[in-house]
Protein backbone atom coordinates (compact mmCIF):
# COMPACT_ATOMS: atom_id res chain seq x y z
CA MET A 1 34.39 120.93 -130.89
CA GLU A 2 32.54 124.08 -129.78
CA THR A 3 34.59 126.46 -127.65
CA ILE A 4 32.86 127.57 -124.44
CA LYS A 5 33.15 131.30 -123.87
CA THR A 6 33.56 131.66 -120.15
CA GLU A 7 33.57 135.44 -120.27
CA ASP A 8 29.87 135.35 -121.12
CA LEU A 9 29.19 134.54 -117.45
CA THR A 10 31.41 137.26 -115.97
CA ASN A 11 32.17 140.69 -117.36
CA LYS A 12 29.76 140.83 -120.30
CA ASN A 13 26.70 140.37 -118.10
CA PRO A 14 26.38 143.16 -115.49
CA ILE A 15 24.73 142.58 -112.13
CA LYS A 16 21.02 143.24 -112.62
CA ILE A 17 18.70 144.04 -109.74
CA LEU A 18 14.92 144.40 -110.01
CA VAL A 19 13.44 146.90 -107.53
CA VAL A 20 9.65 146.72 -107.01
CA ASP A 21 7.82 149.49 -105.09
CA ASP A 22 4.63 151.44 -105.74
CA ARG A 23 6.22 154.72 -104.62
CA GLU A 24 8.53 156.55 -107.02
CA ASP A 25 10.47 158.19 -104.18
CA ASN A 26 11.31 154.79 -102.72
CA LEU A 27 12.45 153.51 -106.11
CA PHE A 28 14.62 156.56 -106.60
CA SER A 29 16.08 156.25 -103.09
CA ILE A 30 17.07 152.59 -103.52
CA GLU A 31 18.50 153.28 -106.97
CA THR A 32 20.59 156.13 -105.56
CA ILE A 33 21.94 153.94 -102.71
CA LEU A 34 22.98 151.13 -105.06
CA ASP A 35 24.10 153.30 -107.97
CA ARG A 36 27.71 153.73 -106.80
CA ASP A 37 28.24 149.95 -106.78
CA GLY A 38 27.72 149.82 -110.53
CA TYR A 39 24.65 147.60 -110.52
CA GLN A 40 22.13 147.76 -113.37
CA ILE A 41 18.82 148.69 -111.74
CA ARG A 42 15.46 147.87 -113.31
CA LYS A 43 12.41 149.41 -111.63
CA ALA A 44 8.79 148.33 -111.44
CA ASN A 45 6.04 150.32 -109.68
CA SER A 46 3.72 147.35 -109.00
CA GLY A 47 3.64 143.58 -108.76
CA ARG A 48 2.04 143.33 -112.19
CA ALA A 49 4.74 145.56 -113.69
CA ALA A 50 7.40 143.32 -112.13
CA LEU A 51 5.82 140.21 -113.64
CA LYS A 52 5.72 141.93 -117.02
CA VAL A 53 9.45 142.70 -116.81
CA LEU A 54 10.21 139.09 -115.83
CA LEU A 55 8.37 137.78 -118.90
CA THR A 56 11.26 138.93 -121.09
CA GLU A 57 14.15 139.17 -118.61
CA GLN A 58 15.15 136.29 -116.34
CA ASP A 59 18.81 137.17 -115.72
CA PHE A 60 18.34 139.16 -112.52
CA THR A 61 20.81 138.59 -109.70
CA LEU A 62 18.39 139.79 -107.02
CA ILE A 63 14.88 141.20 -106.49
CA LEU A 64 14.17 143.89 -103.87
CA MET A 65 10.42 144.01 -103.32
CA ASP A 66 8.18 146.13 -101.12
CA VAL A 67 5.56 144.05 -99.31
CA GLN A 68 2.75 146.61 -98.97
CA MET A 69 1.60 147.44 -102.51
CA PRO A 70 -1.94 148.04 -103.83
CA GLU A 71 -3.74 145.43 -105.94
CA MET A 72 -1.04 142.79 -105.51
CA ASN A 73 1.25 142.77 -102.47
CA GLY A 74 4.84 141.55 -102.37
CA PHE A 75 4.01 138.08 -101.03
CA GLU A 76 1.47 137.46 -103.78
CA THR A 77 3.90 138.70 -106.42
CA ALA A 78 6.66 136.44 -105.07
CA SER A 79 4.32 133.46 -105.20
CA LEU A 80 3.60 134.09 -108.89
CA ILE A 81 7.29 134.65 -109.65
CA TYR A 82 8.36 131.36 -108.09
CA ALA A 83 5.57 129.52 -109.90
CA ARG A 84 7.76 129.83 -113.01
CA GLU A 85 10.65 127.37 -113.19
CA LYS A 86 12.98 129.86 -114.91
CA LEU A 87 12.62 132.37 -112.08
CA LYS A 88 13.05 130.09 -109.04
CA HIS A 89 16.79 130.79 -108.87
CA ILE A 90 16.35 134.56 -108.24
CA PRO A 91 16.55 135.42 -104.51
CA ILE A 92 14.02 137.94 -103.14
CA ILE A 93 14.63 140.38 -100.29
CA PHE A 94 11.39 141.87 -98.95
CA ILE A 95 11.27 145.49 -97.79
CA THR A 96 8.74 146.03 -95.02
CA ALA A 97 7.73 148.33 -92.19
CA HIS A 98 6.61 145.39 -90.02
CA ASN A 99 9.73 145.31 -87.91
CA HIS A 100 10.58 141.76 -86.78
CA ASP A 101 6.96 140.51 -86.65
CA GLU A 102 7.49 136.75 -86.30
CA GLU A 103 4.30 135.62 -88.06
CA TYR A 104 4.79 138.19 -90.76
CA MET A 105 8.38 137.05 -91.38
CA PHE A 106 7.28 133.43 -91.41
CA GLU A 107 4.76 134.20 -94.14
CA GLY A 108 7.51 135.89 -96.15
CA TYR A 109 9.87 132.98 -95.83
CA LYS A 110 7.09 130.63 -96.94
CA MET A 111 6.75 132.71 -100.10
CA GLY A 112 10.46 132.29 -100.80
CA ALA A 113 12.12 135.28 -99.13
CA VAL A 114 15.83 134.97 -98.39
CA ASP A 115 15.94 138.05 -96.15
CA PHE A 116 14.09 141.16 -94.92
CA ILE A 117 15.04 144.83 -94.86
CA TYR A 118 13.06 147.07 -92.57
CA LYS A 119 11.93 150.64 -93.13
CA PRO A 120 13.31 153.22 -92.77
CA ILE A 121 16.06 151.69 -94.92
CA ASN A 122 19.60 151.81 -93.59
CA PRO A 123 21.68 152.54 -96.73
CA GLU A 124 24.82 150.73 -95.55
CA LEU A 125 22.85 147.69 -94.43
CA LEU A 126 21.05 147.59 -97.79
CA ARG A 127 24.35 147.81 -99.69
CA PHE A 128 25.89 145.11 -97.49
CA LYS A 129 23.01 142.65 -97.87
CA VAL A 130 22.89 143.19 -101.62
CA SER A 131 26.68 142.69 -101.85
CA VAL A 132 26.37 139.31 -100.08
CA PHE A 133 23.98 137.97 -102.71
CA VAL A 134 25.96 139.55 -105.53
CA ASP A 135 29.10 137.82 -104.24
CA LEU A 136 27.21 134.51 -104.02
CA TYR A 137 25.95 135.01 -107.59
CA ARG A 138 29.49 135.59 -108.85
CA LYS A 139 30.89 132.56 -107.04
CA THR A 140 28.10 130.38 -108.39
CA HIS A 141 28.91 131.49 -111.91
CA GLN A 142 32.61 130.88 -111.33
CA LEU A 143 31.73 127.30 -110.36
CA MET A 144 29.66 127.01 -113.53
CA ILE A 145 32.65 128.21 -115.53
CA GLN A 146 34.89 125.68 -113.81
CA GLU A 147 32.38 122.92 -114.45
CA ARG A 148 32.25 123.79 -118.13
CA LYS A 149 36.03 123.83 -118.30
CA LEU A 150 36.19 120.38 -116.71
CA MET A 151 33.51 119.04 -119.04
CA ALA A 152 35.42 120.42 -122.00
CA ALA A 153 38.67 118.92 -120.69
CA ASN A 154 37.04 115.50 -120.24
CA LEU A 155 35.64 115.60 -123.77
CA ASP A 156 39.08 116.49 -125.09
CA LEU A 157 40.61 113.63 -123.15
CA GLU A 158 38.15 111.12 -124.56
CA LYS A 159 38.75 112.39 -128.07
CA GLU A 160 42.52 112.25 -127.75
CA ILE A 161 42.48 108.75 -126.23
CA GLU A 162 40.29 107.50 -129.08
CA GLU A 163 42.34 109.14 -131.84
CA ARG A 164 45.82 108.37 -130.50
CA ARG A 165 45.34 105.10 -128.70
CA ILE A 166 48.65 103.67 -129.95
CA ASN A 167 50.63 106.73 -128.85
CA GLU A 168 51.84 105.75 -125.36
CA GLU A 169 53.44 109.09 -124.68
CA LYS A 170 50.24 110.95 -125.42
CA ILE A 171 48.25 108.60 -123.14
CA HIS A 172 50.78 109.26 -120.39
CA LEU A 173 50.36 113.03 -120.76
CA LEU A 174 46.58 112.72 -120.77
CA ASN A 175 46.66 110.65 -117.57
CA GLU A 176 48.75 113.33 -115.91
CA GLN A 177 46.18 115.93 -116.95
CA LEU A 178 43.42 113.77 -115.50
CA LEU A 179 45.29 113.53 -112.21
CA MET A 180 45.61 117.30 -112.15
CA ASN A 181 41.86 117.65 -112.70
CA ASN A 182 41.15 115.22 -109.85
CA THR A 183 43.50 117.13 -107.57
CA GLU A 184 41.74 120.37 -108.46
CA LEU A 185 38.34 118.83 -107.74
CA LYS A 186 39.61 117.55 -104.40
CA ALA A 187 40.93 121.01 -103.55
CA ILE A 188 37.54 122.56 -104.43
CA ASN A 189 35.73 120.07 -102.19
CA GLU A 190 38.12 120.74 -99.32
CA GLU A 191 37.61 124.48 -99.77
CA LEU A 192 33.83 124.02 -99.63
CA ASP A 193 34.19 121.99 -96.42
CA ARG A 194 36.37 124.72 -94.90
CA PHE A 195 33.81 127.33 -95.95
CA ALA A 196 31.01 125.35 -94.26
CA TYR A 197 33.08 125.09 -91.08
CA VAL A 198 33.96 128.80 -90.99
CA ALA A 199 30.40 129.89 -91.82
CA SER A 200 28.95 127.72 -89.05
CA HIS A 201 31.62 128.79 -86.57
CA ASP A 202 30.93 132.48 -87.18
CA LEU A 203 27.24 131.95 -86.40
CA GLN A 204 28.05 130.79 -82.88
CA GLU A 205 28.76 134.19 -81.33
CA PRO A 206 25.54 136.05 -82.29
CA LEU A 207 23.50 132.96 -81.41
CA ARG A 208 25.20 132.75 -78.03
CA LYS A 209 24.17 136.35 -77.33
CA ILE A 210 20.59 135.60 -78.34
CA LEU A 211 20.50 132.70 -75.88
CA ILE A 212 22.09 134.70 -73.06
CA PHE A 213 19.84 137.75 -73.41
CA SER A 214 16.75 135.59 -73.95
CA ASP A 215 17.48 133.81 -70.67
CA VAL A 216 17.98 137.16 -68.90
CA VAL A 217 14.67 138.50 -70.21
CA ASN A 218 12.93 135.23 -69.35
CA MET A 219 14.22 135.31 -65.76
CA LYS A 220 13.20 138.94 -65.23
CA LEU A 221 9.74 138.58 -66.76
CA LYS A 222 8.86 135.12 -65.43
CA GLY A 223 5.34 135.25 -64.02
CA GLN A 224 4.96 138.98 -64.83
CA VAL A 225 3.76 138.88 -68.44
CA GLU A 226 0.72 137.64 -70.32
CA PRO A 227 0.73 133.91 -71.21
CA ASP A 228 0.97 134.63 -74.95
CA VAL A 229 4.05 136.83 -74.41
CA GLN A 230 5.68 134.12 -72.26
CA ASN A 231 4.81 131.55 -74.90
CA SER A 232 6.51 133.65 -77.61
CA LEU A 233 9.60 134.06 -75.44
CA ASP A 234 9.73 130.31 -74.84
CA LYS A 235 9.52 129.74 -78.60
CA ILE A 236 12.47 132.09 -79.14
CA ILE A 237 14.56 130.20 -76.60
CA ASN A 238 13.59 126.78 -77.98
CA ALA A 239 14.29 127.85 -81.56
CA SER A 240 17.67 129.29 -80.54
CA ASN A 241 18.63 126.07 -78.75
CA ARG A 242 17.64 124.07 -81.80
CA MET A 243 19.70 126.33 -84.05
CA GLN A 244 22.72 125.93 -81.74
CA LYS A 245 22.39 122.15 -82.03
CA LEU A 246 22.21 122.47 -85.81
CA ILE A 247 25.35 124.64 -85.94
CA ASN A 248 27.25 122.23 -83.68
CA ASP A 249 26.27 119.31 -85.91
CA LEU A 250 27.33 121.25 -89.02
CA LEU A 251 30.70 121.98 -87.41
CA GLN A 252 31.09 118.31 -86.55
CA PHE A 253 30.13 117.31 -90.09
CA SER A 254 32.70 119.71 -91.60
CA ARG A 255 35.53 118.65 -89.27
CA HIS A 256 35.51 115.07 -90.58
CA ALA A 257 36.64 116.23 -94.01
CA ASN A 258 39.94 117.45 -92.56
CA ASN A 259 40.42 114.96 -89.73
CA VAL A 260 44.13 114.24 -89.38
CA ASP A 261 43.94 111.49 -86.74
CA GLU A 262 46.11 108.52 -87.66
CA PHE A 263 44.68 105.11 -88.36
CA ARG A 264 45.64 102.36 -85.93
CA LYS A 265 44.41 99.07 -84.51
CA VAL A 266 41.08 99.67 -82.77
CA ASN A 267 39.32 97.13 -80.57
CA LEU A 268 35.63 97.79 -81.12
CA ASN A 269 34.76 96.12 -77.80
CA GLU A 270 36.72 98.87 -76.03
CA VAL A 271 35.13 101.55 -78.20
CA LEU A 272 31.63 100.27 -77.38
CA ALA A 273 32.44 100.09 -73.65
CA ASN A 274 33.62 103.71 -73.68
CA VAL A 275 30.53 104.82 -75.58
CA LEU A 276 28.17 103.09 -73.16
CA ASN A 277 30.07 104.61 -70.25
CA ASP A 278 29.63 108.10 -71.77
CA MET A 279 25.94 107.43 -72.47
CA GLU A 280 25.18 105.81 -69.12
CA MET A 281 22.65 108.49 -68.11
CA ASP A 282 20.82 108.36 -71.47
CA VAL A 283 20.60 104.55 -71.38
CA ARG A 284 19.40 104.59 -67.76
CA LYS A 285 16.82 107.29 -68.48
CA LYS A 286 15.30 105.18 -71.25
CA GLU A 287 15.70 101.99 -69.16
CA ALA A 288 17.27 100.50 -72.27
CA ARG A 289 18.97 97.13 -72.58
CA VAL A 290 22.12 96.93 -74.71
CA GLN A 291 23.28 93.47 -75.76
CA ALA A 292 26.62 92.97 -77.50
CA THR A 293 28.64 89.98 -78.66
CA ASP A 294 32.40 89.95 -79.20
CA LEU A 295 33.36 92.59 -81.78
CA PRO A 296 36.45 92.57 -84.04
CA VAL A 297 39.63 94.61 -84.07
CA VAL A 298 39.69 96.95 -87.09
CA TRP A 299 42.04 99.46 -88.67
CA GLY A 300 40.59 102.90 -88.01
CA VAL A 301 40.51 106.24 -86.22
CA PRO A 302 39.41 105.67 -82.59
CA SER A 303 37.65 109.02 -82.12
CA LEU A 304 35.62 108.63 -85.32
CA LEU A 305 34.59 105.04 -84.55
CA HIS A 306 33.57 106.22 -81.06
CA GLN A 307 31.28 108.83 -82.59
CA LEU A 308 29.93 106.29 -85.09
CA PHE A 309 28.72 103.97 -82.31
CA GLN A 310 27.50 106.89 -80.21
CA ASN A 311 25.41 108.36 -83.03
CA LEU A 312 23.82 105.02 -83.94
CA ILE A 313 23.02 104.07 -80.34
CA SER A 314 21.61 107.56 -79.70
CA ASN A 315 19.48 107.14 -82.82
CA SER A 316 18.06 103.86 -81.46
CA LEU A 317 17.30 105.46 -78.10
CA LYS A 318 15.66 108.49 -79.69
CA PHE A 319 13.33 106.48 -81.93
CA SER A 320 12.30 103.92 -79.32
CA LYS A 321 8.63 103.02 -78.78
CA LYS A 322 6.63 104.45 -75.92
CA ASP A 323 5.90 102.01 -73.09
CA VAL A 324 8.27 99.40 -74.60
CA GLN A 325 11.71 98.77 -73.12
CA PRO A 326 14.30 99.69 -75.77
CA THR A 327 16.54 96.77 -76.71
CA ILE A 328 19.67 97.33 -78.78
CA SER A 329 21.62 94.35 -80.12
CA ILE A 330 25.15 94.77 -81.44
CA TYR A 331 26.94 91.88 -83.14
CA SER A 332 29.26 91.12 -86.06
CA GLU A 333 30.26 88.50 -88.59
CA VAL A 334 33.01 87.88 -91.15
CA ILE A 335 31.87 87.77 -94.75
CA LYS A 336 33.73 86.67 -97.86
CA GLN A 337 32.45 89.07 -100.48
CA VAL A 338 30.74 92.43 -100.92
CA ASN A 339 29.18 93.86 -104.06
CA SER A 340 31.35 96.95 -104.08
CA ASN A 341 34.67 97.93 -105.58
CA SER A 342 35.15 100.76 -103.10
CA LEU A 343 35.95 98.39 -100.21
CA THR A 344 38.86 96.51 -101.75
CA ASN A 345 41.55 99.14 -101.15
CA GLY A 346 43.87 97.74 -98.47
CA ALA A 347 41.62 94.80 -97.57
CA GLN A 348 42.39 91.12 -97.69
CA PRO A 349 40.82 89.58 -100.82
CA ASN A 350 37.07 89.06 -100.30
CA SER A 351 37.33 89.46 -96.54
CA PHE A 352 35.21 91.93 -94.58
CA TYR A 353 33.68 92.55 -91.18
CA ARG A 354 29.97 93.25 -91.06
CA LEU A 355 28.63 94.96 -87.94
CA TYR A 356 24.94 95.11 -86.98
CA ILE A 357 23.23 97.57 -84.64
CA LYS A 358 19.62 96.45 -84.29
CA ASP A 359 16.79 97.97 -82.21
CA ASN A 360 13.12 97.38 -81.50
CA GLY A 361 12.04 100.98 -82.03
CA ILE A 362 9.53 102.64 -84.32
CA GLY A 363 11.48 101.68 -87.46
CA PHE A 364 10.98 103.41 -90.82
CA ASP A 365 9.54 102.84 -94.27
CA ALA A 366 12.07 100.83 -96.32
CA ARG A 367 11.58 103.28 -99.20
CA TYR A 368 13.69 105.80 -97.28
CA ALA A 369 16.58 103.43 -96.50
CA GLU A 370 19.03 105.49 -98.57
CA GLU A 371 17.55 108.95 -98.02
CA ILE A 372 18.04 108.86 -94.23
CA PHE A 373 21.80 109.29 -94.77
CA VAL A 374 21.33 112.55 -96.70
CA VAL A 375 22.26 115.73 -94.79
CA PHE A 376 19.18 117.41 -93.18
CA LYS A 377 16.87 114.59 -94.30
CA ARG A 378 14.26 113.93 -91.61
CA LEU A 379 11.40 111.42 -91.68
CA HIS A 380 9.74 113.06 -88.67
CA SER A 381 9.06 116.63 -87.59
CA TYR A 382 11.47 118.05 -85.00
CA HIS A 383 8.37 118.60 -82.85
CA GLU A 384 8.03 114.79 -82.62
CA PHE A 385 11.73 113.94 -82.26
CA GLU A 386 14.59 116.32 -81.56
CA GLY A 387 17.52 116.43 -83.95
CA THR A 388 18.95 118.20 -86.98
CA GLY A 389 19.06 115.45 -89.61
CA ILE A 390 22.87 115.39 -89.66
CA GLY A 391 23.74 112.50 -87.31
CA LEU A 392 23.36 109.67 -89.85
CA SER A 393 25.13 111.75 -92.50
CA ILE A 394 28.11 111.97 -90.15
CA CYS A 395 27.96 108.18 -89.70
CA LYS A 396 28.05 107.68 -93.48
CA LYS A 397 31.01 110.04 -93.78
CA ILE A 398 32.92 108.23 -91.02
CA VAL A 399 32.32 104.80 -92.56
CA GLU A 400 33.39 105.98 -96.02
CA LYS A 401 36.55 107.47 -94.50
CA HIS A 402 37.30 103.90 -93.36
CA SER A 403 36.74 102.56 -96.91
CA GLY A 404 33.49 100.96 -95.82
CA GLN A 405 29.77 101.06 -96.41
CA ILE A 406 26.73 101.69 -94.24
CA ALA A 407 23.15 100.68 -94.97
CA ALA A 408 19.86 100.60 -93.10
CA ASP A 409 17.03 98.09 -93.03
CA GLY A 410 13.72 98.49 -91.24
CA LYS A 411 9.96 98.37 -91.19
CA LEU A 412 7.45 100.71 -89.61
CA ASN A 413 6.85 99.76 -85.96
CA GLU A 414 9.23 96.80 -86.26
CA GLY A 415 12.58 98.41 -85.49
CA ALA A 416 15.62 99.29 -87.56
CA THR A 417 18.98 97.66 -88.26
CA PHE A 418 22.10 99.57 -89.30
CA ILE A 419 24.65 97.47 -91.17
CA ILE A 420 28.29 98.58 -91.36
CA THR A 421 30.79 96.81 -93.60
CA LEU A 422 34.50 97.41 -92.99
CA PRO A 423 37.57 95.88 -94.68
CA LYS A 424 39.46 93.18 -92.82
CA LYS A 425 43.03 94.39 -92.96
CA ASP A 426 46.43 92.74 -93.28
CA TRP A 427 47.88 93.84 -89.93
CA ALA A 428 51.50 93.03 -90.70
CA GLY A 429 51.51 95.01 -93.92
CA LEU A 430 49.65 97.97 -92.42
CA GLU A 431 51.92 98.21 -89.38
CA GLN A 432 55.03 97.94 -91.55
CA ASN A 433 53.79 100.70 -93.88
CA SER A 434 52.86 102.85 -90.86
CA THR A 435 56.37 102.41 -89.39
CA VAL A 436 58.03 103.35 -92.69
CA SER A 437 55.79 106.43 -93.05
CA ASN A 438 56.60 107.59 -89.52
CA GLN A 439 60.35 107.14 -90.15
CA LEU A 440 60.14 109.15 -93.38
CA ALA A 441 58.18 111.90 -91.65
CA ALA A 442 60.74 112.05 -88.80
CA HIS A 443 63.61 112.17 -91.30
CA GLN A 444 61.99 114.98 -93.31
CA ALA A 445 61.29 116.95 -90.11
């Protein structure tokens, strides 16, 4: 079996940065700023020269590109670079003198920019921004190394199991190794969830300042500026509010990975009543009618099931039809079998609860029944319907945490139905196990 040389992705390949500028003094200045960090700098004095370099070299960590260049500007060069599949992974930071021009920045981001640096260049800011992408590059390659290690380990396991099938001791050792690999993968996933939480949390403070100062400026200039200036200010405030909602949803999405609430008996009738009480103003505003039959008692986390119902009802209210009274029907049934092995853990044999939340809203194309649960997936522009595309992803995560499944069914202009399948538990066994676990925890404490 071929040995994978992990060092090829680390020390043997230096960090390469391509700097593109039509002025030699600018190229020299950037090279001088970044020289002490030990990066390998390749220079190009035009967009065409940059493309020529990239014909033979595709292993750049980052591209720093001036926007204003003769013949071919930075945006045009970026467009040609990203037209090649092998170059799409290289992030581009544009260097420009157009300080914070919104339309200008938007054009850059459309071309694939990950950031902007404004002239005159602040050396420390340049070094910091470059270091962020260098660090991301290194972590990405570390994950690639880990993935290759795991692939190699899995191949070794398969080979050993095939060759020494009759050796029980060897099989036992291999199973232990597999458990260690699974534990490591779980730890990596938990670390990624923690990273997402911390990253989103750290964005709150600067965004809060943007909102505060935008409101101050808006109050002071209200009625005193040109309509186009007021319109731009309103866009800033609206975009900031939308970003705050996105960050809050990301934080909520990350928290579920580490939720430590204990499972217990949960009466879904009480959960629904509490949700409708919390959403009373939203339901009244839409003049909606919510109909519910008797719901079961399940084994779950009350706070998560509360959010599950709240997200799905909010979704039905949001995507209701204009000039049609929203009607939401909530009901359940007991079923005897489900085509899934993931639901059998802890459930009575072939016994499940199926919950339905049905509305008469705008519905959706059935082709997207699975995609709507993907994080950030939206079937409508946020200009049409507010939201971040995370709500249904949170619902899916909550249901899976309860060893269940969630699916959606719908047709355009004919409403949507969300179907939740949860295991029907053996209460006596669960409560006994819970009591024993609590006693052990108290004894260990």
